[in-house]
Protein backbone atom coordinates (compact mmCIF):
# COMPACT_ATOMS: atom_id res chain seq x y z
CA MET A 1 -216.90 0.33 53.90
CA THR A 2 -215.62 1.19 57.26
CA THR A 3 -213.65 4.69 57.40
CA ARG A 4 -210.49 5.12 59.22
CA ARG A 5 -212.46 7.47 61.69
CA GLU A 6 -215.19 4.97 62.21
CA MET A 7 -212.58 2.13 62.90
CA LEU A 8 -210.70 4.33 65.52
CA LYS A 9 -214.07 5.29 67.14
CA GLY A 10 -215.13 1.82 67.75
CA ALA A 11 -211.92 0.08 68.48
CA GLY A 12 -210.41 2.51 71.10
CA MET A 13 -208.80 0.95 74.01
CA LEU A 14 -205.87 3.39 74.79
CA ALA A 15 -205.93 7.12 75.96
CA GLY A 16 -203.33 9.77 76.76
CA PHE A 17 -201.04 10.46 79.67
CA ALA A 18 -203.67 12.35 81.75
CA ALA A 19 -206.50 9.88 80.92
CA PHE A 20 -204.16 6.95 82.13
CA GLY A 21 -203.16 8.91 85.26
CA VAL A 22 -199.46 8.25 84.18
CA HIS A 23 -196.71 10.39 85.61
CA PRO A 24 -193.77 10.37 83.20
CA GLY A 25 -191.42 10.33 86.26
CA LEU A 26 -192.67 6.99 87.61
CA ALA A 27 -190.85 3.76 87.15
CA GLU A 28 -193.36 1.30 85.59
CA THR A 29 -193.44 -2.36 84.55
CA ALA A 30 -192.12 -3.05 81.06
CA MET A 31 -194.44 -4.58 78.64
CA PHE A 32 -194.03 -8.31 78.19
CA GLU A 33 -192.16 -8.27 81.55
CA ASN A 34 -191.88 -12.08 81.76
CA CYS A 35 -190.93 -12.37 78.18
CA SER A 36 -187.37 -12.45 76.71
CA VAL A 37 -188.70 -13.13 73.13
CA VAL A 38 -191.57 -11.42 71.31
CA GLU A 39 -193.10 -11.89 67.80
CA LEU A 40 -194.49 -8.78 65.69
CA ARG A 41 -196.54 -10.61 63.21
CA GLN A 42 -198.15 -8.85 60.09
CA TYR A 43 -200.55 -10.82 58.01
CA THR A 44 -201.62 -9.94 54.46
CA LEU A 45 -205.13 -11.17 53.94
CA HIS A 46 -207.47 -11.88 50.98
CA ALA A 47 -209.53 -8.61 50.20
CA GLY A 48 -212.50 -8.34 52.54
CA ALA A 49 -211.27 -11.14 54.82
CA ARG A 50 -210.18 -9.09 57.86
CA GLN A 51 -213.29 -9.09 59.70
CA THR A 52 -213.56 -12.91 59.40
CA LEU A 53 -210.16 -13.36 60.85
CA ILE A 54 -210.68 -10.92 63.62
CA SER A 55 -213.88 -12.71 64.73
CA LEU A 56 -212.17 -16.17 64.60
CA PHE A 57 -208.96 -14.80 66.32
CA GLU A 58 -210.87 -13.09 69.05
CA SER A 59 -213.15 -15.92 69.83
CA GLU A 60 -210.97 -18.94 69.38
CA PHE A 61 -207.28 -18.21 69.52
CA ILE A 62 -206.46 -15.60 72.17
CA HIS A 63 -207.30 -17.48 75.33
CA PRO A 64 -205.76 -20.84 74.38
CA GLN A 65 -202.50 -19.23 73.55
CA GLU A 66 -202.44 -17.21 76.85
CA ALA A 67 -203.30 -20.46 78.73
CA ILE A 68 -200.26 -22.14 77.30
CA GLY A 69 -198.12 -19.05 78.62
CA MET A 70 -198.06 -16.83 75.48
CA PRO A 71 -199.28 -13.53 76.25
CA VAL A 72 -201.02 -11.91 73.28
CA PHE A 73 -200.92 -8.09 72.43
CA GLY A 74 -203.63 -7.27 69.97
CA PRO A 75 -204.92 -7.84 67.49
CA PHE A 76 -204.96 -4.66 65.48
CA CYS A 77 -206.17 -3.38 62.22
CA ASP A 78 -203.69 -1.46 59.94
CA LEU A 79 -205.40 1.75 59.28
CA ASP A 80 -203.31 2.22 55.93
CA ASP A 81 -204.21 -1.19 54.62
CA PRO A 82 -207.53 -2.81 54.87
CA ASN A 83 -206.13 -6.34 54.15
CA ARG A 84 -203.49 -6.17 57.01
CA PHE A 85 -203.90 -7.86 60.29
CA VAL A 86 -201.24 -7.20 63.14
CA TRP A 87 -200.61 -8.65 66.56
CA MET A 88 -197.90 -9.64 68.90
CA ARG A 89 -197.16 -12.43 71.34
CA GLY A 90 -194.46 -13.13 73.72
CA PHE A 91 -192.47 -16.07 75.19
CA PRO A 92 -190.23 -16.69 78.30
CA ASP A 93 -187.30 -17.72 75.95
CA MET A 94 -186.54 -19.46 72.73
CA VAL A 95 -186.61 -23.05 74.31
CA GLU A 96 -190.18 -22.20 75.55
CA ARG A 97 -191.14 -20.80 72.43
CA LYS A 98 -190.64 -24.03 70.51
CA ARG A 99 -192.55 -26.07 72.93
CA MET A 100 -195.37 -23.59 73.48
CA LEU A 101 -195.87 -23.16 69.56
CA ALA A 102 -195.84 -26.82 69.18
CA SER A 103 -198.59 -27.19 71.93
CA PHE A 104 -200.74 -24.76 70.36
CA TYR A 105 -200.34 -25.57 66.68
CA GLU A 106 -200.46 -29.35 67.34
CA GLY A 107 -203.32 -28.84 69.76
CA PRO A 108 -207.10 -29.32 69.19
CA VAL A 109 -208.08 -25.57 68.88
CA TRP A 110 -205.78 -24.83 65.88
CA MET A 111 -206.57 -28.14 64.28
CA MET A 112 -210.26 -27.34 64.39
CA HIS A 113 -209.99 -23.73 62.99
CA ARG A 114 -206.77 -23.72 60.93
CA GLN A 115 -208.48 -24.24 57.59
CA ALA A 116 -210.81 -21.29 58.27
CA ALA A 117 -207.83 -19.10 59.49
CA ASN A 118 -205.44 -19.92 56.62
CA ALA A 119 -208.25 -19.28 54.08
CA THR A 120 -208.15 -15.54 55.12
CA MET A 121 -204.43 -15.17 54.40
CA LEU A 122 -202.33 -14.46 51.54
CA ASP A 123 -199.20 -14.33 53.53
CA SER A 124 -198.36 -14.97 57.19
CA ASP A 125 -194.61 -14.90 57.03
CA ASN A 126 -193.96 -11.21 57.68
CA VAL A 127 -192.64 -11.95 61.27
CA LEU A 128 -189.90 -10.16 63.27
CA LEU A 129 -188.45 -12.00 66.15
CA LEU A 130 -187.61 -9.46 68.80
CA ARG A 131 -186.42 -9.10 72.29
CA PRO A 132 -187.80 -6.36 74.74
CA GLN A 133 -185.66 -3.41 75.89
CA ARG A 134 -185.79 -3.19 79.60
CA SER A 135 -185.97 0.63 81.02
CA VAL A 136 -187.48 2.13 83.98
CA LEU A 137 -189.09 4.56 81.66
CA ALA A 138 -190.71 1.92 79.40
CA ALA A 139 -194.34 2.25 80.45
CA SER A 140 -196.83 -0.68 80.45
CA ALA A 141 -199.55 1.64 79.33
CA ALA A 142 -201.70 -1.26 78.23
CA ARG A 143 -201.58 -2.69 81.72
CA MET A 144 -202.39 0.55 83.34
CA ILE A 145 -205.26 1.55 81.24
CA SER A 146 -207.07 -1.75 80.73
CA ASP A 147 -209.68 -0.68 83.35
CA SER A 148 -209.97 3.06 82.33
CA PRO A 149 -213.40 4.19 81.48
CA LEU A 150 -211.80 6.20 78.61
CA GLN A 151 -211.49 3.59 75.99
CA ARG A 152 -212.37 5.11 72.67
CA HIS A 153 -210.54 6.81 69.72
CA SER A 154 -207.31 5.11 70.32
CA LEU A 155 -204.29 4.77 68.12
CA VAL A 156 -201.06 2.53 68.41
CA ILE A 157 -198.09 3.44 66.32
CA VAL A 158 -195.40 0.83 65.52
CA ASN A 159 -192.12 2.30 64.32
CA ILE A 160 -189.63 -0.16 62.71
CA HIS A 161 -186.00 1.37 62.18
CA TYR A 162 -183.86 -0.80 60.15
CA VAL A 163 -180.17 -0.49 61.24
CA THR A 164 -176.79 -2.30 60.81
CA SER A 165 -176.19 -4.89 63.25
CA SER A 166 -172.89 -3.37 64.49
CA ALA A 167 -174.87 -0.10 65.38
CA ILE A 168 -177.96 -1.71 67.22
CA GLU A 169 -176.79 -1.09 70.73
CA GLU A 170 -175.58 2.48 69.99
CA PHE A 171 -179.04 3.15 68.31
CA ALA A 172 -180.85 1.73 71.38
CA LYS A 173 -178.86 4.03 73.70
CA PHE A 174 -179.61 6.89 71.49
CA PHE A 175 -183.40 6.09 71.53
CA GLU A 176 -183.41 6.05 75.37
CA GLN A 177 -181.29 9.17 75.93
CA ALA A 178 -182.54 11.49 73.06
CA MET A 179 -185.67 10.05 71.21
CA ARG A 180 -187.83 8.82 74.23
CA PRO A 181 -187.75 12.17 76.11
CA ARG A 182 -188.40 14.09 73.06
CA LEU A 183 -191.23 11.83 72.24
CA ALA A 184 -192.53 12.32 75.71
CA GLU A 185 -192.49 16.07 75.51
CA THR A 186 -194.48 16.13 72.30
CA GLY A 187 -197.38 13.83 73.62
CA ALA A 188 -196.31 10.35 72.73
CA LEU A 189 -196.81 7.58 75.29
CA VAL A 190 -194.03 5.00 74.47
CA ILE A 191 -195.30 1.75 75.78
CA ALA A 192 -192.51 -0.55 74.52
CA SER A 193 -189.32 -0.80 72.81
CA PHE A 194 -187.58 -3.94 71.24
CA GLN A 195 -184.58 -4.94 69.13
CA THR A 196 -183.99 -8.04 66.87
CA GLU A 197 -183.62 -11.34 68.60
CA ASP A 198 -180.94 -12.88 66.39
CA ALA A 199 -181.33 -16.44 67.80
CA PRO A 200 -182.11 -19.15 65.10
CA ASN A 201 -185.73 -19.89 64.57
CA THR A 202 -186.58 -23.02 66.63
CA PHE A 203 -189.86 -23.61 65.19
CA LEU A 204 -189.57 -23.86 61.39
CA ARG A 205 -193.18 -24.31 60.67
CA LEU A 206 -193.52 -20.64 61.33
CA PRO A 207 -191.01 -18.58 59.28
CA VAL A 208 -189.56 -15.34 60.64
CA ARG A 209 -187.68 -12.66 58.75
CA ALA A 210 -183.97 -13.36 58.92
CA GLY A 211 -180.89 -11.31 57.90
CA GLU A 212 -182.35 -7.99 59.06
CA THR A 213 -181.65 -5.93 62.30
CA VAL A 214 -184.43 -3.62 63.56
CA PHE A 215 -185.08 -1.44 66.60
CA VAL A 216 -189.00 -1.28 67.20
CA TRP A 217 -190.78 1.03 69.42
CA LEU A 218 -194.54 1.40 70.14
CA ALA A 219 -196.42 4.49 71.14
CA ALA A 220 -200.02 5.19 72.18
CA PHE A 221 -202.18 8.22 71.41
CA PRO A 222 -205.87 9.13 72.15
CA ASP A 223 -206.76 9.59 68.48
CA MET A 224 -205.40 10.71 65.08
CA LYS A 225 -205.69 14.34 65.97
CA ASP A 226 -203.31 13.88 68.81
CA TYR A 227 -200.86 11.83 66.72
CA ARG A 228 -200.80 14.60 64.08
CA GLN A 229 -200.25 17.14 66.73
CA HIS A 230 -197.29 15.10 67.91
CA LEU A 231 -195.88 14.87 64.50
CA ALA A 232 -196.14 18.71 64.00
CA ALA A 233 -194.57 19.37 67.30
CA VAL A 234 -191.63 17.00 66.60
CA ARG A 235 -190.98 18.73 63.20
CA GLU A 236 -191.26 22.21 64.83
CA GLY A 237 -188.95 21.41 67.70
CA PRO A 238 -185.20 20.70 68.07
CA ASP A 239 -183.81 18.21 65.76
CA TRP A 240 -183.11 15.15 67.89
CA ARG A 241 -180.24 14.22 65.71
CA GLU A 242 -178.22 17.29 66.84
CA HIS A 243 -176.25 15.23 69.41
CA ALA A 244 -176.30 11.92 67.58
CA THR A 245 -173.04 10.22 66.56
CA GLU A 246 -172.23 9.81 62.79
CA SER A 247 -173.12 6.10 63.03
CA VAL A 248 -176.63 6.95 64.41
CA ILE A 249 -177.18 9.66 61.90
CA HIS A 250 -176.48 6.98 59.25
CA GLN A 251 -179.04 4.74 60.66
CA LEU A 252 -181.61 7.49 60.68
CA ALA A 253 -181.16 8.34 57.06
CA ARG A 254 -183.38 5.47 56.19
CA LYS A 255 -187.09 6.29 57.02
CA PRO A 256 -188.51 3.84 59.40
CA GLU A 257 -191.59 1.68 58.50
CA VAL A 258 -194.66 3.11 60.46
CA LEU A 259 -197.78 1.05 61.27
CA LEU A 260 -200.84 2.92 62.21
CA LEU A 261 -203.01 0.60 64.18
CA ALA A 262 -206.43 0.46 65.77
CA PRO A 263 -207.17 -2.09 68.40
CA THR A 264 -209.90 -4.55 67.56
CA PRO A 265 -213.11 -4.75 69.80
CA HIS A 266 -211.56 -7.41 71.99
CA SER A 267 -207.80 -6.72 71.68
CA GLN A 268 -205.76 -7.93 74.47
CA LEU A 269 -203.82 -4.93 76.08
CA ARG A 270 -202.75 -6.34 79.22
CA VAL A 271 -199.39 -7.86 78.77
């Protein structure tokens, strides 16, 4: 059985600020820069089926989707759940999403391999439809480190905050002004942030979660040790809620959903 330590060691594709040569004051290209819509997809798999899906996904599904115009970020292994498979993909807009998904799922590649792919899955409907947040501080770390020689022991953290729809813009502002600087100070490389895309799902063959409003941010760490040091620094430092409005404090009362992810050997990290 593969341990968390072994998975991180073998799958590393990201490193820390210094290793990337990232200066925190630089304005950088946002992740999914040509996309206004992004899916965060979490699949629950049959026990022991994850490696089968990883091999199939990496060999057959990444490049055909990107050839259509859907950039893929991932896939990733969930380190807390051996039967969870996570990935993201982007689209120019909702109209193009419908066309591109139809092109792929009605095309020869999916038709040839869909039975094998679906056989690994218990559930593929855990999908959040998101739109990227644009910020001069939103680093495309994945783009910058794709050619880095330091490509081991990586960790990608996905934080999903569930908020009320009326408070999403205020929460997004609080993230940029208070949370992001504090995260950087404590060693987190924030590589992207998103909020719910509330447009109706235009490709009904692929369900998405409806009736929820979320704010999602992704961060990269060289390894689990660095992540734990970051968590300790956040706990020991000033409380970032000190200057939050009552509405934001209410949103923070619910703990975020946190995904600890390791890139697979051929994860796509240039988006």
